[in-house]
Amino acid sequence: MTDEELIAYNSTVPLEQNVICFKDLRTDSHIRKTRCMTIMDILTEAETNARTIDALNIGPQLF
């Protein structure tokens, strides 16, 4: 999808359904890939990652 097509698409959908593309460097590769996600998908992924990290940081409680 070209930048112009992306701009045209984003102008027709609600904000949370806007698509954002970015270069992503995965931990298993040094090759950057372009990922395109809706804003809602980005927020959901960020929230899931934050909860996972929080769960790992808390660990077992010894009281």
N, C-alpha and C. Protein backbone atom coordinates (compact mmCIF):
# COMPACT_ATOMS: atom_id res chain seq x y z
N MET A 1 0.86 -1.17 0.00
CA MET A 1 0.00 0.00 0.00
C MET A 1 0.90 1.24 0.00
N THR A 2 0.65 2.14 -0.91
CA THR A 2 1.45 3.36 -0.99
C THR A 2 0.99 4.34 0.09
N ASP A 3 1.82 5.36 0.32
CA ASP A 3 1.46 6.38 1.31
C ASP A 3 0.15 7.07 0.93
N GLU A 4 -0.02 7.33 -0.36
CA GLU A 4 -1.24 8.00 -0.82
C GLU A 4 -2.47 7.13 -0.57
N GLU A 5 -2.36 5.84 -0.84
CA GLU A 5 -3.48 4.92 -0.59
C GLU A 5 -3.79 4.84 0.90
N LEU A 6 -2.75 4.84 1.72
CA LEU A 6 -2.94 4.79 3.17
C LEU A 6 -3.64 6.05 3.68
N ILE A 7 -3.23 7.19 3.19
CA ILE A 7 -3.86 8.45 3.57
C ILE A 7 -5.32 8.47 3.14
N ALA A 8 -5.59 8.01 1.93
CA ALA A 8 -6.97 7.97 1.44
C ALA A 8 -7.81 7.03 2.28
N TYR A 9 -7.27 5.86 2.62
CA TYR A 9 -8.01 4.91 3.45
C TYR A 9 -8.29 5.49 4.83
N ASN A 10 -7.25 6.05 5.47
CA ASN A 10 -7.40 6.58 6.82
C ASN A 10 -8.41 7.72 6.89
N SER A 11 -8.59 8.43 5.79
CA SER A 11 -9.56 9.54 5.80
C SER A 11 -11.00 9.04 5.76
N THR A 12 -11.20 7.74 5.49
CA THR A 12 -12.56 7.21 5.38
C THR A 12 -13.00 6.38 6.58
N VAL A 13 -12.11 6.16 7.54
CA VAL A 13 -12.44 5.31 8.69
C VAL A 13 -12.28 6.09 9.98
N PRO A 14 -12.92 5.64 11.08
CA PRO A 14 -12.75 6.28 12.38
C PRO A 14 -11.29 6.20 12.84
N LEU A 15 -10.92 7.09 13.74
CA LEU A 15 -9.53 7.21 14.20
C LEU A 15 -8.96 5.88 14.68
N GLU A 16 -9.71 5.13 15.48
CA GLU A 16 -9.17 3.88 16.04
C GLU A 16 -8.94 2.81 14.96
N GLN A 17 -9.50 3.02 13.78
CA GLN A 17 -9.30 2.08 12.68
C GLN A 17 -8.26 2.57 11.67
N ASN A 18 -7.66 3.75 11.94
CA ASN A 18 -6.59 4.23 11.07
C ASN A 18 -5.43 3.25 11.10
N VAL A 19 -4.79 3.08 9.96
CA VAL A 19 -3.67 2.16 9.83
C VAL A 19 -2.38 2.95 9.87
N ILE A 20 -1.42 2.45 10.66
CA ILE A 20 -0.10 3.06 10.75
C ILE A 20 0.91 1.98 10.37
N CYS A 21 1.85 2.34 9.49
CA CYS A 21 2.90 1.41 9.08
C CYS A 21 4.23 1.89 9.65
N PHE A 22 5.04 0.95 10.10
CA PHE A 22 6.34 1.30 10.66
C PHE A 22 7.32 0.16 10.44
N LYS A 23 8.60 0.50 10.45
CA LYS A 23 9.65 -0.51 10.32
C LYS A 23 9.85 -1.15 11.68
N ASP A 24 9.87 -2.46 11.71
CA ASP A 24 9.95 -3.19 12.96
C ASP A 24 11.16 -4.11 12.92
N LEU A 25 11.96 -4.09 13.96
CA LEU A 25 13.11 -4.98 14.08
C LEU A 25 12.76 -6.06 15.09
N ARG A 26 12.60 -7.27 14.61
CA ARG A 26 12.25 -8.39 15.48
C ARG A 26 13.52 -8.92 16.15
N THR A 27 13.36 -9.53 17.30
CA THR A 27 14.51 -10.05 18.03
C THR A 27 15.14 -11.25 17.35
N ASP A 28 14.41 -11.95 16.51
CA ASP A 28 14.95 -13.14 15.87
C ASP A 28 15.61 -12.84 14.52
N SER A 29 15.69 -11.57 14.14
CA SER A 29 16.26 -11.23 12.84
C SER A 29 16.80 -9.80 12.88
N HIS A 30 17.80 -9.56 12.05
CA HIS A 30 18.33 -8.19 11.92
C HIS A 30 17.69 -7.48 10.73
N ILE A 31 16.76 -8.14 10.09
CA ILE A 31 16.09 -7.57 8.93
C ILE A 31 14.84 -6.83 9.40
N ARG A 32 14.75 -5.56 9.05
CA ARG A 32 13.58 -4.77 9.41
C ARG A 32 12.43 -5.09 8.46
N LYS A 33 11.27 -5.29 9.04
CA LYS A 33 10.06 -5.55 8.25
C LYS A 33 9.10 -4.40 8.46
N THR A 34 8.35 -4.10 7.45
CA THR A 34 7.30 -3.09 7.58
C THR A 34 6.06 -3.76 8.12
N ARG A 35 5.57 -3.25 9.25
CA ARG A 35 4.34 -3.76 9.85
C ARG A 35 3.29 -2.67 9.77
N CYS A 36 2.10 -3.06 9.41
CA CYS A 36 0.97 -2.13 9.36
C CYS A 36 -0.10 -2.65 10.31
N MET A 37 -0.55 -1.77 11.20
CA MET A 37 -1.55 -2.14 12.20
C MET A 37 -2.50 -0.97 12.40
N THR A 38 -3.71 -1.30 12.84
CA THR A 38 -4.63 -0.22 13.21
C THR A 38 -4.19 0.35 14.56
N ILE A 39 -4.62 1.55 14.84
CA ILE A 39 -4.29 2.17 16.12
C ILE A 39 -4.81 1.32 17.27
N MET A 40 -6.00 0.76 17.12
CA MET A 40 -6.58 -0.09 18.17
C MET A 40 -5.72 -1.33 18.38
N ASP A 41 -5.22 -1.94 17.31
CA ASP A 41 -4.36 -3.11 17.45
C ASP A 41 -3.04 -2.76 18.15
N ILE A 42 -2.49 -1.59 17.85
CA ILE A 42 -1.25 -1.15 18.49
C ILE A 42 -1.48 -0.98 19.98
N LEU A 43 -2.58 -0.33 20.36
CA LEU A 43 -2.89 -0.12 21.78
C LEU A 43 -3.13 -1.44 22.50
N THR A 44 -3.84 -2.35 21.86
CA THR A 44 -4.11 -3.66 22.46
C THR A 44 -2.82 -4.43 22.67
N GLU A 45 -1.93 -4.42 21.67
CA GLU A 45 -0.65 -5.12 21.79
C GLU A 45 0.20 -4.51 22.89
N ALA A 46 0.22 -3.18 22.99
CA ALA A 46 1.00 -2.51 24.03
C ALA A 46 0.46 -2.86 25.41
N GLU A 47 -0.85 -2.89 25.56
CA GLU A 47 -1.45 -3.24 26.85
C GLU A 47 -1.13 -4.68 27.23
N THR A 48 -1.22 -5.59 26.27
CA THR A 48 -0.90 -6.99 26.53
C THR A 48 0.56 -7.14 26.94
N ASN A 49 1.45 -6.45 26.24
CA ASN A 49 2.88 -6.52 26.58
C ASN A 49 3.14 -5.95 27.97
N ALA A 50 2.47 -4.86 28.31
CA ALA A 50 2.66 -4.25 29.63
C ALA A 50 2.19 -5.20 30.73
N ARG A 51 1.08 -5.87 30.51
CA ARG A 51 0.58 -6.82 31.51
C ARG A 51 1.53 -8.01 31.66
N THR A 52 2.08 -8.48 30.56
CA THR A 52 3.03 -9.59 30.61
C THR A 52 4.27 -9.19 31.40
N ILE A 53 4.80 -8.02 31.11
CA ILE A 53 5.99 -7.55 31.82
C ILE A 53 5.68 -7.34 33.29
N ASP A 54 4.52 -6.78 33.58
CA ASP A 54 4.12 -6.56 34.97
C ASP A 54 4.02 -7.89 35.72
N ALA A 55 3.45 -8.89 35.08
CA ALA A 55 3.31 -10.21 35.71
C ALA A 55 4.68 -10.82 35.96
N LEU A 56 5.61 -10.62 35.05
CA LEU A 56 6.96 -11.16 35.24
C LEU A 56 7.70 -10.43 36.35
N ASN A 57 7.47 -9.12 36.48
CA ASN A 57 8.15 -8.33 37.50
C ASN A 57 7.63 -8.64 38.90
N ILE A 58 6.36 -8.93 39.01
CA ILE A 58 5.77 -9.19 40.33
C ILE A 58 6.26 -10.53 40.86
N GLY A 59 6.18 -11.55 40.05
CA GLY A 59 6.65 -12.87 40.45
C GLY A 59 5.91 -13.38 41.67
N PRO A 60 6.39 -14.47 42.25
CA PRO A 60 5.73 -15.03 43.43
C PRO A 60 5.95 -14.14 44.65
N GLN A 61 4.92 -14.02 45.45
CA GLN A 61 4.99 -13.22 46.67
C GLN A 61 5.30 -14.13 47.84
N LEU A 62 6.32 -13.81 48.60
CA LEU A 62 6.70 -14.60 49.77
C LEU A 62 6.38 -13.81 51.03
N PHE A 63 5.20 -14.03 51.58
CA PHE A 63 4.78 -13.32 52.80
C PHE A 63 4.52 -14.30 53.89
